Amino acid sequence: MDEDARTPGYAWYGLAILVAVYILNFIDRQLISILAEDIKRDLGMRDEDLGFLYGTAFGVFYALFGIPLGRLADNWHRVRLLASGLALWSAMTMVSGLARGGAMLAAARVGVGVGEASAAPSAYSLISDWFPKRLRATALAIYSAGLYIGGGVSLGIGALIVQRWNAAYPVDPPFGLHGWQAAFLIVGAPGLLLALVVMSLREPPRPAPRTAAPFAGFFGELLTILPPLTLLGAARRGPRALAGNLAAVALLVGFVYAATRLGEPAAQWSAWGLGVYAVFSWASALRARDPEAFRLIVANPAFVTLLVAYGLNAFLSYSTSLWLPPYAERVLGEAKTTAGLIIGATGALGGFLGTTIGGAVADRLRRRHPAGRVMVVIFGAIAPLPFIVTAFTTHSPAIFYAMVLPMTALGSCALGAAGATTQDLVLPRMRGTATATFLIGTTLLGLALGPYLAGRLSSASGSLSVGVLSLLVTVPIALGAAIAAFRLVPIHEQRLADLHRMSTVN
């Protein structure tokens, strides 16, 4: 797209629809936070079980399917893919409301994760084609604001549904459904209608034509990432590839065995180990199939350090997002509706302000310095810390609620900057794959570990404050990775420009 051309109005209309999709995405994803205390009571769960449901059960499969669906987004009709994924995760949210035990609820969360894995690769790719580079971080930041709007709205809606359902049916509720189950059923339904609206969007033209057989590439990608098909995919690449794959299996099986012997839950570490193994298998296959994409994404130190930096930012953000409402109810004695409405409203406002202002500032800094956007990532790694510490140590509801807005705003400011930088480090044909890879950092590092570890440490210590604040030991690692990315991004952007120029000349 011509950098000086005026962005068409349809791009902003399409962005508005994508924001609505992302709002529902995070309503369905975040709802479990405000329902956590009810689920814990009715299903006899512990804090680490809630962390597993919120993070690992959802996040691992979100990451696992994000890569093949990212490949499909690169080669197929992105609008159809997004509409199909929206319908799936909305239906699985409703299935969550029918759960009678932890296993069924975990299975439904897996389904939500698979469906939502289609959203970011499709949306990031669409936005990158609709908007010029000079506005890309701003557009991605506006889109990403749906994360906090949806997360905030989910708390208020979930609390109100539970309150009114339980008040209306104190005994013998319809079909034996608890208030938290009704909440899942009610919030899942609108997504099925929005999927029809998404189907009406026009697919923008691509810089390069799509492949003739997009689903062949998708199923081929499944052979690289979906166990046990990964063994077949490795065998097709030769004995050496199969031996390396089996060695990775043995290593991770040993890790899971050791973790369970130490008293860790098998489900948590089996799921996480499965995710790590799947990503290893995929990266090995990518190296053989598309060396250029492997070099620009997996083997690119600028990309990797940025992924680690923002992944650890998400490690804290997802943990605080889950545990803020339970802390208000459990420690401060606040009513569910009060906690849900105040945390939801202030969190949504803070997230919207943080992502949009952070994205705009990142774009301005990018014009002054090649790594200007990474400055926002560095800022986002340290700015929220005083507010997190205060929120999870205070016994004053007023101080607690006052911390939510700045904590959320500062914790979210780097999202658009990090996402736009990853897009700048790859060729246009790789945008969907790069997005899916970037999201691994916010799932396997952030979502699949942060909420669980906070819950595990909370159960072990008997203090939710200790559980959350113990995660701050990762901040120096995040800061170091962000500083490394600041140094590396300009170097690798220049190499990409040289590569693109050479391919154009040839």
Protein backbone atom coordinates (compact mmCIF):
# COMPACT_ATOMS: atom_id res chain seq x y z
CA MET A 1 0.00 0.00 0.00
CA ASP A 2 1.27 3.49 -0.90
CA GLU A 3 2.48 5.14 2.33
CA ASP A 4 1.23 8.55 1.20
CA ALA A 5 -2.18 7.38 0.04
CA ARG A 6 -5.23 8.14 2.14
CA THR A 7 -6.51 5.13 4.06
CA PRO A 8 -9.96 4.19 2.66
CA GLY A 9 -13.00 4.37 4.90
CA TYR A 10 -13.71 0.67 4.40
CA ALA A 11 -10.45 -0.13 6.20
CA TRP A 12 -11.74 1.66 9.29
CA TYR A 13 -15.12 -0.10 8.97
CA GLY A 14 -13.37 -3.46 8.72
CA LEU A 15 -11.23 -2.56 11.72
CA ALA A 16 -14.39 -1.77 13.73
CA ILE A 17 -15.79 -5.23 12.96
CA LEU A 18 -12.50 -6.85 13.94
CA VAL A 19 -12.51 -4.92 17.22
CA ALA A 20 -16.01 -6.28 17.93
CA VAL A 21 -14.72 -9.81 17.24
CA TYR A 22 -11.80 -9.27 19.59
CA ILE A 23 -14.11 -7.92 22.28
CA LEU A 24 -16.13 -11.16 22.14
CA ASN A 25 -12.87 -13.08 22.01
CA PHE A 26 -11.86 -11.75 25.40
CA ILE A 27 -15.33 -11.79 26.91
CA ASP A 28 -15.37 -15.53 26.29
CA ARG A 29 -11.74 -15.95 27.40
CA GLN A 30 -11.79 -13.74 30.52
CA LEU A 31 -15.24 -14.63 31.86
CA ILE A 32 -13.80 -17.42 34.00
CA SER A 33 -12.01 -14.81 36.15
CA ILE A 34 -15.16 -13.35 37.70
CA LEU A 35 -16.68 -16.83 37.97
CA ALA A 36 -13.56 -18.33 39.58
CA GLU A 37 -14.77 -18.37 43.20
CA ASP A 38 -18.12 -19.95 42.21
CA ILE A 39 -16.46 -22.59 40.03
CA LYS A 40 -13.94 -23.34 42.77
CA ARG A 41 -16.74 -23.85 45.29
CA ASP A 42 -19.15 -25.85 43.12
CA LEU A 43 -16.57 -28.12 41.47
CA GLY A 44 -14.26 -28.48 44.50
CA MET A 45 -11.20 -26.94 42.83
CA ARG A 46 -7.99 -25.32 44.07
CA ASP A 47 -6.30 -22.13 42.89
CA GLU A 48 -3.87 -24.02 40.64
CA ASP A 49 -6.85 -25.77 38.99
CA LEU A 50 -8.34 -22.38 38.18
CA GLY A 51 -4.98 -21.23 36.80
CA PHE A 52 -4.85 -24.37 34.64
CA LEU A 53 -8.36 -23.78 33.27
CA TYR A 54 -7.82 -20.09 32.63
CA GLY A 55 -4.33 -20.38 31.21
CA THR A 56 -2.89 -23.76 30.28
CA ALA A 57 -5.92 -25.69 29.01
CA PHE A 58 -6.85 -22.74 26.84
CA GLY A 59 -3.40 -21.36 26.05
CA VAL A 60 -1.52 -24.46 24.93
CA PHE A 61 -4.07 -25.37 22.28
CA TYR A 62 -4.43 -21.74 21.32
CA ALA A 63 -0.71 -21.71 20.61
CA LEU A 64 -0.66 -25.17 19.03
CA PHE A 65 -3.40 -24.46 16.50
CA GLY A 66 -2.32 -20.86 15.98
CA ILE A 67 0.56 -21.95 13.77
CA PRO A 68 -1.35 -24.08 11.21
CA LEU A 69 -4.20 -21.57 11.25
CA GLY A 70 -1.66 -18.79 10.74
CA ARG A 71 -0.40 -20.69 7.69
CA LEU A 72 -3.99 -21.02 6.47
CA ALA A 73 -4.49 -17.28 6.99
CA ASP A 74 -1.48 -16.67 4.74
CA ASN A 75 -2.92 -18.80 1.95
CA TRP A 76 -6.73 -18.89 2.23
CA HIS A 77 -9.71 -16.57 2.62
CA ARG A 78 -9.02 -14.81 5.94
CA VAL A 79 -12.59 -13.57 6.39
CA ARG A 80 -14.03 -17.10 6.14
CA LEU A 81 -11.39 -18.43 8.50
CA LEU A 82 -12.15 -15.76 11.09
CA ALA A 83 -15.92 -16.30 10.87
CA SER A 84 -15.51 -20.07 11.28
CA GLY A 85 -13.23 -19.67 14.29
CA LEU A 86 -15.63 -17.18 15.91
CA ALA A 87 -18.53 -19.60 15.55
CA LEU A 88 -16.47 -22.44 17.07
CA TRP A 89 -15.20 -20.60 20.14
CA SER A 90 -18.65 -19.10 20.82
CA ALA A 91 -20.22 -22.56 20.70
CA MET A 92 -17.54 -23.98 23.01
CA THR A 93 -18.11 -21.13 25.47
CA MET A 94 -21.73 -22.23 25.65
CA VAL A 95 -20.59 -25.84 26.15
CA SER A 96 -18.60 -24.60 29.18
CA GLY A 97 -21.92 -23.74 30.76
CA LEU A 98 -22.98 -27.38 30.57
CA ALA A 99 -19.90 -28.66 32.41
CA ARG A 100 -20.54 -30.76 35.50
CA GLY A 101 -16.90 -31.35 36.37
CA GLY A 102 -13.40 -30.10 35.84
CA ALA A 103 -12.60 -32.48 32.96
CA MET A 104 -15.52 -31.31 30.82
CA LEU A 105 -14.81 -27.67 31.60
CA ALA A 106 -11.16 -28.19 30.61
CA ALA A 107 -12.22 -29.85 27.35
CA ALA A 108 -14.49 -26.91 26.55
CA ARG A 109 -11.65 -24.48 27.28
CA VAL A 110 -9.50 -26.43 24.81
CA GLY A 111 -12.23 -25.92 22.20
CA VAL A 112 -12.35 -22.20 22.93
CA GLY A 113 -8.58 -22.06 22.48
CA VAL A 114 -8.70 -23.84 19.11
CA GLY A 115 -11.40 -21.50 17.82
CA GLU A 116 -9.73 -18.33 19.06
CA ALA A 117 -6.43 -19.37 17.45
CA SER A 118 -7.92 -18.30 14.10
CA ALA A 119 -8.55 -14.72 15.18
CA ALA A 120 -5.17 -13.02 15.55
CA PRO A 121 -3.46 -14.42 12.40
CA SER A 122 -6.47 -13.49 10.27
CA ALA A 123 -6.98 -10.07 11.87
CA TYR A 124 -3.31 -9.05 11.93
CA SER A 125 -2.95 -10.02 8.28
CA LEU A 126 -6.13 -8.17 7.26
CA ILE A 127 -5.11 -5.03 9.14
CA SER A 128 -1.62 -5.13 7.64
CA ASP A 129 -3.16 -5.18 4.15
CA TRP A 130 -5.81 -2.54 4.91
CA PHE A 131 -3.47 -0.01 6.52
CA PRO A 132 -0.12 1.48 5.41
CA LYS A 133 2.99 0.89 7.48
CA ARG A 134 2.89 4.41 8.95
CA LEU A 135 -0.48 3.62 10.61
CA ARG A 136 0.00 -0.07 11.28
CA ALA A 137 0.92 0.15 14.97
CA THR A 138 -2.01 2.53 15.56
CA ALA A 139 -4.45 0.21 13.80
CA LEU A 140 -3.11 -2.86 15.60
CA ALA A 141 -3.30 -1.01 18.91
CA ILE A 142 -6.95 -0.07 18.28
CA TYR A 143 -7.67 -3.70 17.42
CA SER A 144 -5.80 -4.87 20.51
CA ALA A 145 -7.88 -2.55 22.69
CA GLY A 146 -10.70 -5.04 22.17
CA LEU A 147 -8.74 -7.32 24.49
CA TYR A 148 -9.27 -4.99 27.44
CA ILE A 149 -12.75 -3.87 26.50
CA GLY A 150 -13.85 -7.50 26.23
CA GLY A 151 -12.01 -8.52 29.37
CA GLY A 152 -13.54 -5.64 31.31
CA VAL A 153 -17.07 -6.12 29.98
CA SER A 154 -16.91 -9.84 30.79
CA LEU A 155 -16.40 -9.13 34.50
CA GLY A 156 -19.41 -6.85 34.80
CA ILE A 157 -21.67 -9.01 32.66
CA GLY A 158 -20.60 -12.22 34.36
CA ALA A 159 -21.15 -10.81 37.85
CA LEU A 160 -24.60 -9.46 36.97
CA ILE A 161 -25.72 -12.71 35.36
CA VAL A 162 -24.61 -14.76 38.36
CA GLN A 163 -26.27 -12.37 40.83
CA ARG A 164 -29.59 -12.21 39.00
CA TRP A 165 -29.70 -15.91 38.18
CA ASN A 166 -29.01 -16.96 41.76
CA ALA A 167 -31.51 -14.40 43.07
CA ALA A 168 -34.19 -15.62 40.67
CA TYR A 169 -33.50 -19.32 41.29
CA PRO A 170 -32.15 -19.78 44.84
CA VAL A 171 -33.27 -23.42 44.74
CA ASP A 172 -34.08 -25.81 41.88
CA PRO A 173 -32.74 -23.64 39.02
CA PRO A 174 -33.72 -24.56 35.43
CA PHE A 175 -31.92 -27.71 34.28
CA GLY A 176 -29.93 -27.61 37.52
CA LEU A 177 -27.67 -24.86 36.17
CA HIS A 178 -25.68 -22.68 38.58
CA GLY A 179 -25.29 -18.96 37.94
CA TRP A 180 -21.78 -19.37 36.55
CA GLN A 181 -23.06 -21.93 34.05
CA ALA A 182 -25.81 -19.59 32.90
CA ALA A 183 -23.19 -16.89 32.39
CA PHE A 184 -21.21 -19.07 29.97
CA LEU A 185 -24.35 -19.94 28.02
CA ILE A 186 -25.55 -16.35 27.73
CA VAL A 187 -22.27 -14.68 26.73
CA GLY A 188 -21.43 -17.32 24.13
CA ALA A 189 -24.56 -16.82 22.03
CA PRO A 190 -23.83 -13.36 20.46
CA GLY A 191 -20.70 -14.67 18.77
CA LEU A 192 -22.76 -16.95 16.56
CA LEU A 193 -24.60 -13.90 15.20
CA LEU A 194 -21.45 -11.80 14.78
CA ALA A 195 -19.94 -14.60 12.70
CA LEU A 196 -22.55 -13.86 10.03
CA VAL A 197 -21.52 -10.18 9.99
CA VAL A 198 -17.87 -11.13 9.64
CA MET A 199 -18.72 -13.26 6.60
CA SER A 200 -19.95 -10.10 4.83
CA LEU A 201 -16.51 -8.42 4.95
CA ARG A 202 -14.59 -8.06 1.69
CA GLU A 203 -11.25 -9.85 1.45
CA PRO A 204 -8.56 -7.25 0.61
CA PRO A 205 -6.07 -7.95 -2.21
CA ARG A 206 -2.73 -9.39 -1.13
CA PRO A 207 0.74 -8.26 -2.14
CA ALA A 208 1.29 -11.82 -3.43
CA PRO A 209 -1.28 -14.29 -4.83
CA ARG A 210 -2.59 -17.07 -2.63
CA THR A 211 -1.55 -20.67 -3.24
CA ALA A 212 -3.77 -22.90 -5.37
CA ALA A 213 -4.22 -25.53 -2.59
CA PRO A 214 -4.33 -23.68 0.75
CA PHE A 215 -5.73 -26.61 2.74
CA ALA A 216 -2.94 -28.90 1.56
CA GLY A 217 -0.54 -26.53 3.31
CA PHE A 218 -2.79 -26.42 6.39
CA PHE A 219 -2.95 -30.21 6.75
CA GLY A 220 0.74 -30.42 5.98
CA GLU A 221 1.31 -27.99 8.85
CA LEU A 222 -0.73 -30.23 11.15
CA LEU A 223 1.78 -33.00 10.45
CA THR A 224 4.46 -30.75 11.86
CA ILE A 225 2.68 -29.66 15.05
CA LEU A 226 -0.19 -31.96 16.09
CA PRO A 227 1.04 -35.01 18.03
CA PRO A 228 1.27 -37.88 17.19
CA LEU A 229 1.07 -36.79 13.54
CA THR A 230 4.35 -34.98 14.19
CA LEU A 231 6.17 -38.32 14.14
CA LEU A 232 4.83 -39.05 10.67
CA GLY A 233 5.83 -35.59 9.52
CA ALA A 234 9.34 -36.04 10.92
CA ALA A 235 9.68 -39.49 9.34
CA ARG A 236 8.86 -37.98 5.95
CA ARG A 237 11.86 -35.65 6.34
CA GLY A 238 14.23 -38.53 6.96
CA PRO A 239 15.78 -40.66 9.73
CA ARG A 240 17.76 -37.78 11.20
CA ALA A 241 14.64 -35.63 11.60
CA LEU A 242 12.73 -38.52 13.17
CA ALA A 243 15.57 -39.22 15.62
CA GLY A 244 15.65 -35.56 16.68
CA ASN A 245 11.89 -35.55 17.14
CA LEU A 246 11.96 -38.71 19.26
CA ALA A 247 14.75 -37.23 21.37
CA ALA A 248 12.58 -34.18 22.04
CA VAL A 249 9.70 -36.48 23.05
CA ALA A 250 11.95 -38.38 25.46
CA LEU A 251 13.30 -35.18 26.99
CA LEU A 252 9.86 -33.71 27.61
CA VAL A 253 8.42 -36.99 28.91
CA GLY A 254 11.28 -37.05 31.38
CA PHE A 255 10.53 -33.46 32.40
CA VAL A 256 6.84 -34.20 32.98
CA TYR A 257 7.68 -37.36 34.94
CA ALA A 258 10.10 -35.43 37.16
CA ALA A 259 7.53 -32.68 37.72
CA THR A 260 4.85 -35.15 38.79
CA ARG A 261 7.29 -36.92 41.11
CA LEU A 262 7.82 -33.58 42.80
CA GLY A 263 4.08 -33.32 43.40
CA GLU A 264 3.15 -31.14 40.43
CA PRO A 265 -0.18 -31.79 38.65
CA ALA A 266 0.25 -34.08 35.63
CA ALA A 267 -2.39 -32.23 33.59
CA GLN A 268 -0.60 -28.87 33.82
CA TRP A 269 2.85 -30.04 32.84
CA SER A 270 1.68 -32.63 30.33
CA ALA A 271 -0.26 -29.94 28.50
CA TRP A 272 2.60 -27.45 28.66
CA GLY A 273 5.14 -30.07 27.61
CA LEU A 274 2.88 -31.01 24.71
CA GLY A 275 2.87 -27.38 23.61
CA VAL A 276 6.65 -27.04 23.80
CA TYR A 277 7.16 -30.28 21.88
CA ALA A 278 4.65 -29.23 19.21
CA VAL A 279 6.44 -25.91 18.69
CA PHE A 280 9.81 -27.69 18.44
CA SER A 281 8.40 -30.05 15.82
CA TRP A 282 6.93 -27.18 13.84
CA ALA A 283 10.14 -25.14 13.94
CA SER A 284 12.16 -28.15 12.77
CA ALA A 285 9.80 -28.67 9.85
CA LEU A 286 9.78 -24.97 8.98
CA ARG A 287 13.56 -24.99 8.80
CA ALA A 288 13.47 -27.78 6.19
CA ARG A 289 10.47 -26.48 4.23
CA ASP A 290 10.97 -22.72 4.23
CA PRO A 291 14.50 -21.77 5.30
CA GLU A 292 13.84 -18.09 4.59
CA ALA A 293 10.83 -17.96 6.93
CA PHE A 294 12.76 -19.91 9.58
CA ARG A 295 15.67 -17.47 9.33
CA LEU A 296 13.43 -14.38 9.59
CA ILE A 297 11.24 -15.70 12.42
CA VAL A 298 12.58 -18.57 14.54
CA ALA A 299 16.30 -17.97 14.00
CA ASN A 300 16.01 -14.18 14.11
CA PRO A 301 17.43 -12.94 17.45
CA ALA A 302 15.53 -9.65 17.10
CA PHE A 303 12.25 -11.52 16.73
CA VAL A 304 13.03 -13.98 19.53
CA THR A 305 14.15 -11.37 22.09
CA LEU A 306 11.05 -9.28 21.34
CA LEU A 307 8.87 -12.37 21.74
CA VAL A 308 10.46 -13.20 25.11
CA ALA A 309 10.20 -9.61 26.33
CA TYR A 310 6.52 -9.29 25.53
CA GLY A 311 5.79 -12.90 26.51
CA LEU A 312 6.99 -12.16 30.04
CA ASN A 313 4.97 -8.94 30.03
CA ALA A 314 1.96 -11.16 29.29
CA PHE A 315 3.12 -13.53 32.07
CA LEU A 316 2.30 -10.79 34.58
CA SER A 317 -0.66 -9.28 32.74
CA TYR A 318 -2.59 -12.55 32.39
CA SER A 319 -1.89 -13.44 36.03
CA THR A 320 -3.19 -10.15 37.37
CA SER A 321 -6.19 -10.32 35.03
CA LEU A 322 -7.23 -13.67 36.47
CA TRP A 323 -6.56 -12.99 40.13
CA LEU A 324 -7.81 -9.40 40.58
CA PRO A 325 -11.50 -10.37 41.05
CA PRO A 326 -10.76 -13.32 43.41
CA TYR A 327 -8.46 -11.05 45.47
CA ALA A 328 -11.27 -8.49 45.80
CA GLU A 329 -13.78 -11.15 46.86
CA ARG A 330 -11.53 -13.35 48.99
CA VAL A 331 -9.16 -10.87 50.68
CA LEU A 332 -11.10 -7.61 50.64
CA GLY A 333 -14.55 -9.13 51.14
CA GLU A 334 -16.06 -7.27 48.20
CA ALA A 335 -19.32 -8.39 46.57
CA LYS A 336 -18.97 -10.08 43.18
CA THR A 337 -21.03 -7.44 41.37
CA THR A 338 -19.07 -4.59 42.93
CA ALA A 339 -15.73 -6.17 42.08
CA GLY A 340 -16.85 -7.16 38.58
CA LEU A 341 -18.25 -3.78 37.63
CA ILE A 342 -15.42 -1.65 39.05
CA ILE A 343 -12.53 -3.88 37.96
CA GLY A 344 -14.20 -4.45 34.61
CA ALA A 345 -14.90 -0.78 33.88
CA THR A 346 -11.57 0.59 35.07
CA GLY A 347 -9.65 -2.28 33.48
CA ALA A 348 -11.40 -1.76 30.15
CA LEU A 349 -10.69 1.98 30.22
CA GLY A 350 -7.10 1.44 31.26
CA GLY A 351 -6.53 -1.19 28.60
CA PHE A 352 -8.08 0.95 25.87
CA LEU A 353 -6.03 4.00 26.85
CA GLY A 354 -2.86 1.98 27.24
CA THR A 355 -3.04 0.15 23.92
CA THR A 356 -4.19 3.10 21.80
CA ILE A 357 -1.86 5.70 23.33
CA GLY A 358 0.97 3.20 23.45
CA GLY A 359 0.47 2.36 19.78
CA ALA A 360 0.36 6.01 18.73
CA VAL A 361 3.48 6.83 20.77
CA ALA A 362 5.22 3.79 19.29
CA ASP A 363 4.49 5.01 15.76
CA ARG A 364 5.88 8.46 16.58
CA LEU A 365 9.00 7.02 18.17
CA ARG A 366 9.45 4.75 15.14
CA ARG A 367 9.75 7.81 12.91
CA ARG A 368 12.59 9.13 15.07
CA HIS A 369 14.48 5.88 15.67
CA PRO A 370 14.44 2.50 13.87
CA ALA A 371 13.80 0.75 17.20
CA GLY A 372 11.47 3.42 18.55
CA ARG A 373 8.60 1.01 19.06
CA VAL A 374 10.78 -1.21 21.25
CA MET A 375 11.20 1.73 23.66
CA VAL A 376 7.51 1.27 24.52
CA VAL A 377 8.13 -2.44 25.17
CA ILE A 378 10.93 -1.55 27.60
CA PHE A 379 8.68 0.98 29.33
CA GLY A 380 5.87 -1.59 29.57
CA ALA A 381 8.15 -4.07 31.33
CA ILE A 382 8.75 -1.84 34.37
CA ALA A 383 6.04 0.86 34.57
CA PRO A 384 3.20 -1.33 35.96
CA LEU A 385 5.23 -2.82 38.82
CA PRO A 386 4.44 -0.32 41.66
CA PHE A 387 0.74 -0.60 40.93
CA ILE A 388 0.79 -4.44 40.89
CA VAL A 389 2.60 -4.53 44.23
CA THR A 390 0.20 -2.02 45.80
CA ALA A 391 -2.94 -3.74 44.48
CA PHE A 392 -1.97 -7.17 45.81
CA THR A 393 -0.79 -6.00 49.23
CA THR A 394 -3.40 -3.44 50.23
CA HIS A 395 -6.38 -4.23 52.46
CA SER A 396 -8.21 -1.07 51.42
CA PRO A 397 -10.81 -1.57 48.66
CA ALA A 398 -10.47 2.10 47.64
CA ILE A 399 -6.70 1.82 47.13
CA PHE A 400 -7.12 -1.55 45.40
CA TYR A 401 -9.62 -0.21 42.87
CA ALA A 402 -7.51 2.92 42.31
CA MET A 403 -4.59 0.72 41.20
CA VAL A 404 -6.51 -1.14 38.47
CA LEU A 405 -6.61 1.61 35.83
CA PRO A 406 -2.92 2.63 35.87
CA MET A 407 -1.81 -1.00 36.25
CA THR A 408 -3.84 -2.08 33.22
CA ALA A 409 -2.97 0.98 31.13
CA LEU A 410 0.76 0.67 31.70
CA GLY A 411 0.73 -3.11 31.38
CA SER A 412 -1.01 -2.94 28.00
CA CYS A 413 0.89 -0.07 26.38
CA ALA A 414 3.42 -2.30 24.61
CA LEU A 415 1.00 -4.63 22.82
CA GLY A 416 0.58 -2.67 19.58
CA ALA A 417 4.27 -1.78 19.50
CA ALA A 418 5.40 -5.40 19.87
CA GLY A 419 2.91 -6.70 17.32
CA ALA A 420 3.81 -4.09 14.72
CA THR A 421 7.53 -4.70 15.18
CA THR A 422 7.15 -8.42 14.48
CA GLN A 423 5.33 -7.57 11.24
CA ASP A 424 8.17 -5.26 10.23
CA LEU A 425 10.73 -8.06 10.63
CA VAL A 426 9.22 -10.44 8.02
CA LEU A 427 8.19 -10.45 4.38
CA PRO A 428 4.47 -9.88 3.57
CA ARG A 429 3.89 -13.54 2.73
CA MET A 430 4.95 -14.50 6.26
CA ARG A 431 2.72 -12.16 8.27
CA GLY A 432 0.21 -14.76 9.43
CA THR A 433 2.93 -17.21 10.40
CA ALA A 434 4.88 -14.46 12.18
CA THR A 435 1.76 -13.47 14.13
CA ALA A 436 1.10 -17.05 15.20
CA THR A 437 4.73 -17.41 16.29
CA PHE A 438 4.60 -14.12 18.22
CA LEU A 439 1.52 -15.34 20.07
CA ILE A 440 3.46 -18.35 21.32
CA GLY A 441 5.25 -15.92 23.60
CA THR A 442 1.98 -14.73 25.11
CA THR A 443 0.67 -18.28 25.52
CA LEU A 444 3.40 -20.80 26.33
CA LEU A 445 5.38 -18.17 28.26
CA GLY A 446 2.57 -15.97 29.52
CA LEU A 447 -0.88 -17.50 29.55
CA ALA A 448 0.10 -21.15 30.06
CA LEU A 449 2.50 -20.44 32.93
CA GLY A 450 1.67 -17.16 34.70
CA PRO A 451 -1.89 -17.78 35.99
CA TYR A 452 -1.09 -21.39 36.95
CA LEU A 453 2.13 -20.56 38.82
CA ALA A 454 0.41 -17.76 40.71
CA GLY A 455 -2.37 -20.17 41.71
CA ARG A 456 0.09 -22.90 42.63
CA LEU A 457 2.13 -20.58 44.83
CA SER A 458 -1.07 -19.20 46.32
CA SER A 459 -2.19 -22.68 47.36
CA ALA A 460 1.25 -23.55 48.69
CA SER A 461 1.61 -20.36 50.73
CA GLY A 462 -2.01 -19.79 51.64
CA SER A 463 -1.70 -16.24 50.31
CA LEU A 464 -2.93 -14.96 46.97
CA SER A 465 -0.65 -11.95 47.38
CA VAL A 466 2.43 -14.19 47.63
CA GLY A 467 1.26 -16.18 44.63
CA VAL A 468 0.98 -13.16 42.34
CA LEU A 469 3.93 -11.12 43.61
CA SER A 470 6.31 -14.08 43.36
CA LEU A 471 6.04 -13.76 39.58
CA LEU A 472 7.92 -10.46 39.67
CA VAL A 473 11.19 -12.41 39.66
CA THR A 474 10.79 -12.59 35.85
CA VAL A 475 10.99 -8.80 35.38
CA PRO A 476 14.81 -8.61 35.01
CA ILE A 477 14.64 -11.26 32.27
CA ALA A 478 11.91 -9.35 30.42
CA LEU A 479 13.83 -6.10 30.70
CA GLY A 480 17.04 -7.69 29.46
CA ALA A 481 15.28 -9.24 26.46
CA ALA A 482 13.64 -5.91 25.59
CA ILE A 483 16.96 -4.05 25.71
CA ALA A 484 18.50 -6.72 23.47
CA ALA A 485 15.61 -6.32 21.02
CA PHE A 486 16.17 -2.55 20.98
CA ARG A 487 19.73 -3.14 19.80
CA LEU A 488 18.90 -5.90 17.31
CA VAL A 489 15.71 -4.69 15.58
CA PRO A 490 17.35 -1.94 13.44
CA ILE A 491 20.04 -4.37 12.26
CA HIS A 492 17.55 -7.01 11.18
CA GLU A 493 15.12 -4.54 9.62
CA GLN A 494 17.97 -3.31 7.43
CA ARG A 495 18.85 -6.88 6.47
CA LEU A 496 15.20 -7.49 5.56
CA ALA A 497 15.14 -4.33 3.42
CA ASP A 498 18.29 -5.49 1.62
CA LEU A 499 16.78 -8.93 1.08
CA HIS A 500 13.57 -7.43 -0.30
CA ARG A 501 15.51 -5.11 -2.58
CA MET A 502 17.62 -7.97 -3.91
CA SER A 503 14.56 -10.14 -4.58
CA THR A 504 12.90 -7.24 -6.43
CA VAL A 505 15.95 -6.69 -8.62
CA ASN A 506 16.20 -10.39 -9.41
